[in-house]
Structure formats: structure tokens, C-alpha cells
């Protein structure tokens, strides 16, 4: 998909469905982050549920900026543990709930 507005709308729709499916409480929200492959894997190992889209960094930044005002985002998203991993440009826009860790 090449339209950031349409991609943001679809991603928000999918997040709403995922929140309903996982019984999010009224105060719960999503943290958004731009991540590379290693960061994405680290977040997916640590949190559940997660949802992501992949693409070029510039496109993902546009989608991210469009989603921030429409989403009740948790501001203090924890940074994933990626020590010793080479820093690469982000190729994923990832949403997760930092209050819901895997057990």
C-alpha cells in the first residue's frame, strides 16, 4: 500500500480489533515504535499482543505521525533489549502494550 493515510486507518482498525480480542481494559493503550528486525524480535519475545507493518523508513514515519494523534498511546514505551546488535534503520512500525508482558 502506498497511501500513508489509508495504511494508518487500516492499522488503527486492526489495533482496535486486537484490543477487543484481548480484552483491553479502558485505561490500556498501545505503544508505537519504529523498529528494525532485531528490535521487533525482542519486543515480540517480551510483549503480547503485538501488531506491525513493514516498509520503507520514510513511509513508516509518515504512518507513525498520522497515527499518534488518533491513538491513545502510552508515552513511556520501554526500549527493547538489543545489546550487541548492530543499529539498522527501522523497517517496521510496531504496536504493543508495555503492560502486557509474556509469562
C-alpha atoms as a PDB file:
ATOM      1  CA  UNK A   1       0.000   0.000   0.000  1.00  0.00           C
ATOM      2  CA  UNK A   2       1.424   3.388  -0.964  1.00  0.00           C
ATOM      3  CA  UNK A   3      -1.024   5.719   0.796  1.00  0.00           C
ATOM      4  CA  UNK A   4       0.100   6.509   4.370  1.00  0.00           C
ATOM      5  CA  UNK A   5      -3.387   7.763   5.327  1.00  0.00           C
ATOM      6  CA  UNK A   6      -5.042   4.510   4.226  1.00  0.00           C
ATOM      7  CA  UNK A   7      -2.333   2.402   5.885  1.00  0.00           C
ATOM      8  CA  UNK A   8      -2.729   4.325   9.174  1.00  0.00           C
ATOM      9  CA  UNK A   9      -6.510   3.849   9.042  1.00  0.00           C
ATOM     10  CA  UNK A  10      -6.164   0.107   8.426  1.00  0.00           C
ATOM     11  CA  UNK A  11      -3.550  -0.267  11.179  1.00  0.00           C
ATOM     12  CA  UNK A  12      -5.797   1.572  13.667  1.00  0.00           C
ATOM     13  CA  UNK A  13      -8.698  -0.685  12.693  1.00  0.00           C
ATOM     14  CA  UNK A  14      -6.559  -3.783  13.273  1.00  0.00           C
ATOM     15  CA  UNK A  15      -5.369  -2.417  16.648  1.00  0.00           C
ATOM     16  CA  UNK A  16      -8.963  -1.820  17.780  1.00  0.00           C
ATOM     17  CA  UNK A  17      -9.877  -5.387  16.843  1.00  0.00           C
ATOM     18  CA  UNK A  18      -6.812  -6.780  18.598  1.00  0.00           C
ATOM     19  CA  UNK A  19      -7.581  -4.777  21.761  1.00  0.00           C
ATOM     20  CA  UNK A  20     -11.133  -6.136  21.785  1.00  0.00           C
ATOM     21  CA  UNK A  21      -9.934  -9.670  21.139  1.00  0.00           C
ATOM     22  CA  UNK A  22      -7.505  -9.466  24.092  1.00  0.00           C
ATOM     23  CA  UNK A  23      -9.962  -7.745  26.436  1.00  0.00           C
ATOM     24  CA  UNK A  24      -8.066  -4.487  26.920  1.00  0.00           C
ATOM     25  CA  UNK A  25      -9.328  -2.511  29.905  1.00  0.00           C
ATOM     26  CA  UNK A  26     -10.448   1.121  29.398  1.00  0.00           C
ATOM     27  CA  UNK A  27      -7.127   2.549  30.660  1.00  0.00           C
ATOM     28  CA  UNK A  28      -4.926   0.355  28.481  1.00  0.00           C
ATOM     29  CA  UNK A  29      -3.356   1.624  25.304  1.00  0.00           C
ATOM     30  CA  UNK A  30      -0.708   0.929  22.709  1.00  0.00           C
ATOM     31  CA  UNK A  31       2.913   1.984  22.488  1.00  0.00           C
ATOM     32  CA  UNK A  32       4.117   2.690  18.951  1.00  0.00           C
ATOM     33  CA  UNK A  33       7.714   2.353  17.914  1.00  0.00           C
ATOM     34  CA  UNK A  34       9.760   2.237  14.758  1.00  0.00           C
ATOM     35  CA  UNK A  35      11.976  -0.827  14.910  1.00  0.00           C
ATOM     36  CA  UNK A  36      14.496  -2.798  12.913  1.00  0.00           C
ATOM     37  CA  UNK A  37      14.328  -6.606  12.665  1.00  0.00           C
ATOM     38  CA  UNK A  38      16.288  -7.260  15.873  1.00  0.00           C
ATOM     39  CA  UNK A  39      14.219  -4.791  17.890  1.00  0.00           C
ATOM     40  CA  UNK A  40      10.980  -6.255  16.519  1.00  0.00           C
ATOM     41  CA  UNK A  41      12.012  -9.756  17.556  1.00  0.00           C
ATOM     42  CA  UNK A  42      12.995  -8.542  21.040  1.00  0.00           C
ATOM     43  CA  UNK A  43       9.652  -6.783  21.534  1.00  0.00           C
ATOM     44  CA  UNK A  44       7.667  -9.774  20.267  1.00  0.00           C
ATOM     45  CA  UNK A  45       9.509 -12.045  22.725  1.00  0.00           C
ATOM     46  CA  UNK A  46       8.768  -9.694  25.611  1.00  0.00           C
ATOM     47  CA  UNK A  47       5.189  -8.455  24.932  1.00  0.00           C
ATOM     48  CA  UNK A  48       1.889  -9.887  23.759  1.00  0.00           C
ATOM     49  CA  UNK A  49      -0.092  -8.915  21.751  1.00  0.00           C
ATOM     50  CA  UNK A  50       1.894  -7.051  19.119  1.00  0.00           C
ATOM     51  CA  UNK A  51       0.998  -5.812  15.664  1.00  0.00           C
ATOM     52  CA  UNK A  52       3.315  -4.482  12.986  1.00  0.00           C
ATOM     53  CA  UNK A  53       3.583  -3.315   9.428  1.00  0.00           C
ATOM     54  CA  UNK A  54       6.757  -3.286   7.404  1.00  0.00           C
ATOM     55  CA  UNK A  55       8.018  -0.937   4.744  1.00  0.00           C
ATOM     56  CA  UNK A  56      10.488   1.787   3.926  1.00  0.00           C
ATOM     57  CA  UNK A  57      11.573   4.011   6.789  1.00  0.00           C
ATOM     58  CA  UNK A  58      10.161   7.222   5.279  1.00  0.00           C
ATOM     59  CA  UNK A  59       6.747   5.660   4.654  1.00  0.00           C
ATOM     60  CA  UNK A  60       6.610   4.185   8.160  1.00  0.00           C
ATOM     61  CA  UNK A  61       7.455   7.567   9.697  1.00  0.00           C
ATOM     62  CA  UNK A  62       4.534   9.133   7.814  1.00  0.00           C
ATOM     63  CA  UNK A  63       2.158   6.437   9.061  1.00  0.00           C
ATOM     64  CA  UNK A  64       3.537   6.841  12.603  1.00  0.00           C
ATOM     65  CA  UNK A  65       2.931  10.603  12.571  1.00  0.00           C
ATOM     66  CA  UNK A  66      -0.620  10.119  11.278  1.00  0.00           C
ATOM     67  CA  UNK A  67      -1.417   7.547  13.964  1.00  0.00           C
ATOM     68  CA  UNK A  68      -0.057   9.349  17.028  1.00  0.00           C
ATOM     69  CA  UNK A  69      -2.978  11.805  17.447  1.00  0.00           C
ATOM     70  CA  UNK A  70      -5.627   9.140  16.758  1.00  0.00           C
ATOM     71  CA  UNK A  71      -4.229   6.553  19.154  1.00  0.00           C
ATOM     72  CA  UNK A  72      -4.244   6.575  22.938  1.00  0.00           C
ATOM     73  CA  UNK A  73      -0.540   5.978  23.010  1.00  0.00           C
ATOM     74  CA  UNK A  74       1.432   5.106  26.098  1.00  0.00           C
ATOM     75  CA  UNK A  75       4.194   7.709  26.175  1.00  0.00           C
ATOM     76  CA  UNK A  76       6.844   5.843  28.111  1.00  0.00           C
ATOM     77  CA  UNK A  77       7.357   2.795  25.953  1.00  0.00           C
ATOM     78  CA  UNK A  78      10.271   0.719  27.225  1.00  0.00           C
ATOM     79  CA  UNK A  79      13.190   0.203  24.902  1.00  0.00           C
ATOM     80  CA  UNK A  80      13.702  -3.394  23.809  1.00  0.00           C
ATOM     81  CA  UNK A  81      16.822  -5.215  24.952  1.00  0.00           C
ATOM     82  CA  UNK A  82      19.170  -5.314  21.943  1.00  0.00           C
ATOM     83  CA  UNK A  83      22.688  -5.169  23.380  1.00  0.00           C
ATOM     84  CA  UNK A  84      25.342  -6.163  20.931  1.00  0.00           C
ATOM     85  CA  UNK A  85      23.010  -5.742  17.944  1.00  0.00           C
ATOM     86  CA  UNK A  86      24.117  -3.559  15.063  1.00  0.00           C
ATOM     87  CA  UNK A  87      21.903  -0.483  14.622  1.00  0.00           C
ATOM     88  CA  UNK A  88      19.941  -0.644  11.382  1.00  0.00           C
ATOM     89  CA  UNK A  89      17.305   1.732  10.004  1.00  0.00           C
ATOM     90  CA  UNK A  90      13.757   0.866  11.072  1.00  0.00           C
ATOM     91  CA  UNK A  91      11.736  -1.242   8.665  1.00  0.00           C
ATOM     92  CA  UNK A  92       8.783  -1.960  10.983  1.00  0.00           C
ATOM     93  CA  UNK A  93       6.134   0.116  12.708  1.00  0.00           C
ATOM     94  CA  UNK A  94       5.267  -1.922  15.773  1.00  0.00           C
ATOM     95  CA  UNK A  95       2.469  -1.539  18.317  1.00  0.00           C
ATOM     96  CA  UNK A  96       2.476  -3.286  21.671  1.00  0.00           C
ATOM     97  CA  UNK A  97       1.109  -2.883  25.169  1.00  0.00           C
ATOM     98  CA  UNK A  98       4.041  -2.492  27.592  1.00  0.00           C
ATOM     99  CA  UNK A  99       1.797  -3.554  30.486  1.00  0.00           C
ATOM    100  CA  UNK A 100       1.221  -6.993  28.946  1.00  0.00           C
ATOM    101  CA  UNK A 101       4.424  -8.966  29.163  1.00  0.00           C
ATOM    102  CA  UNK A 102       4.782 -12.582  28.169  1.00  0.00           C
ATOM    103  CA  UNK A 103       4.903 -15.006  31.055  1.00  0.00           C
END
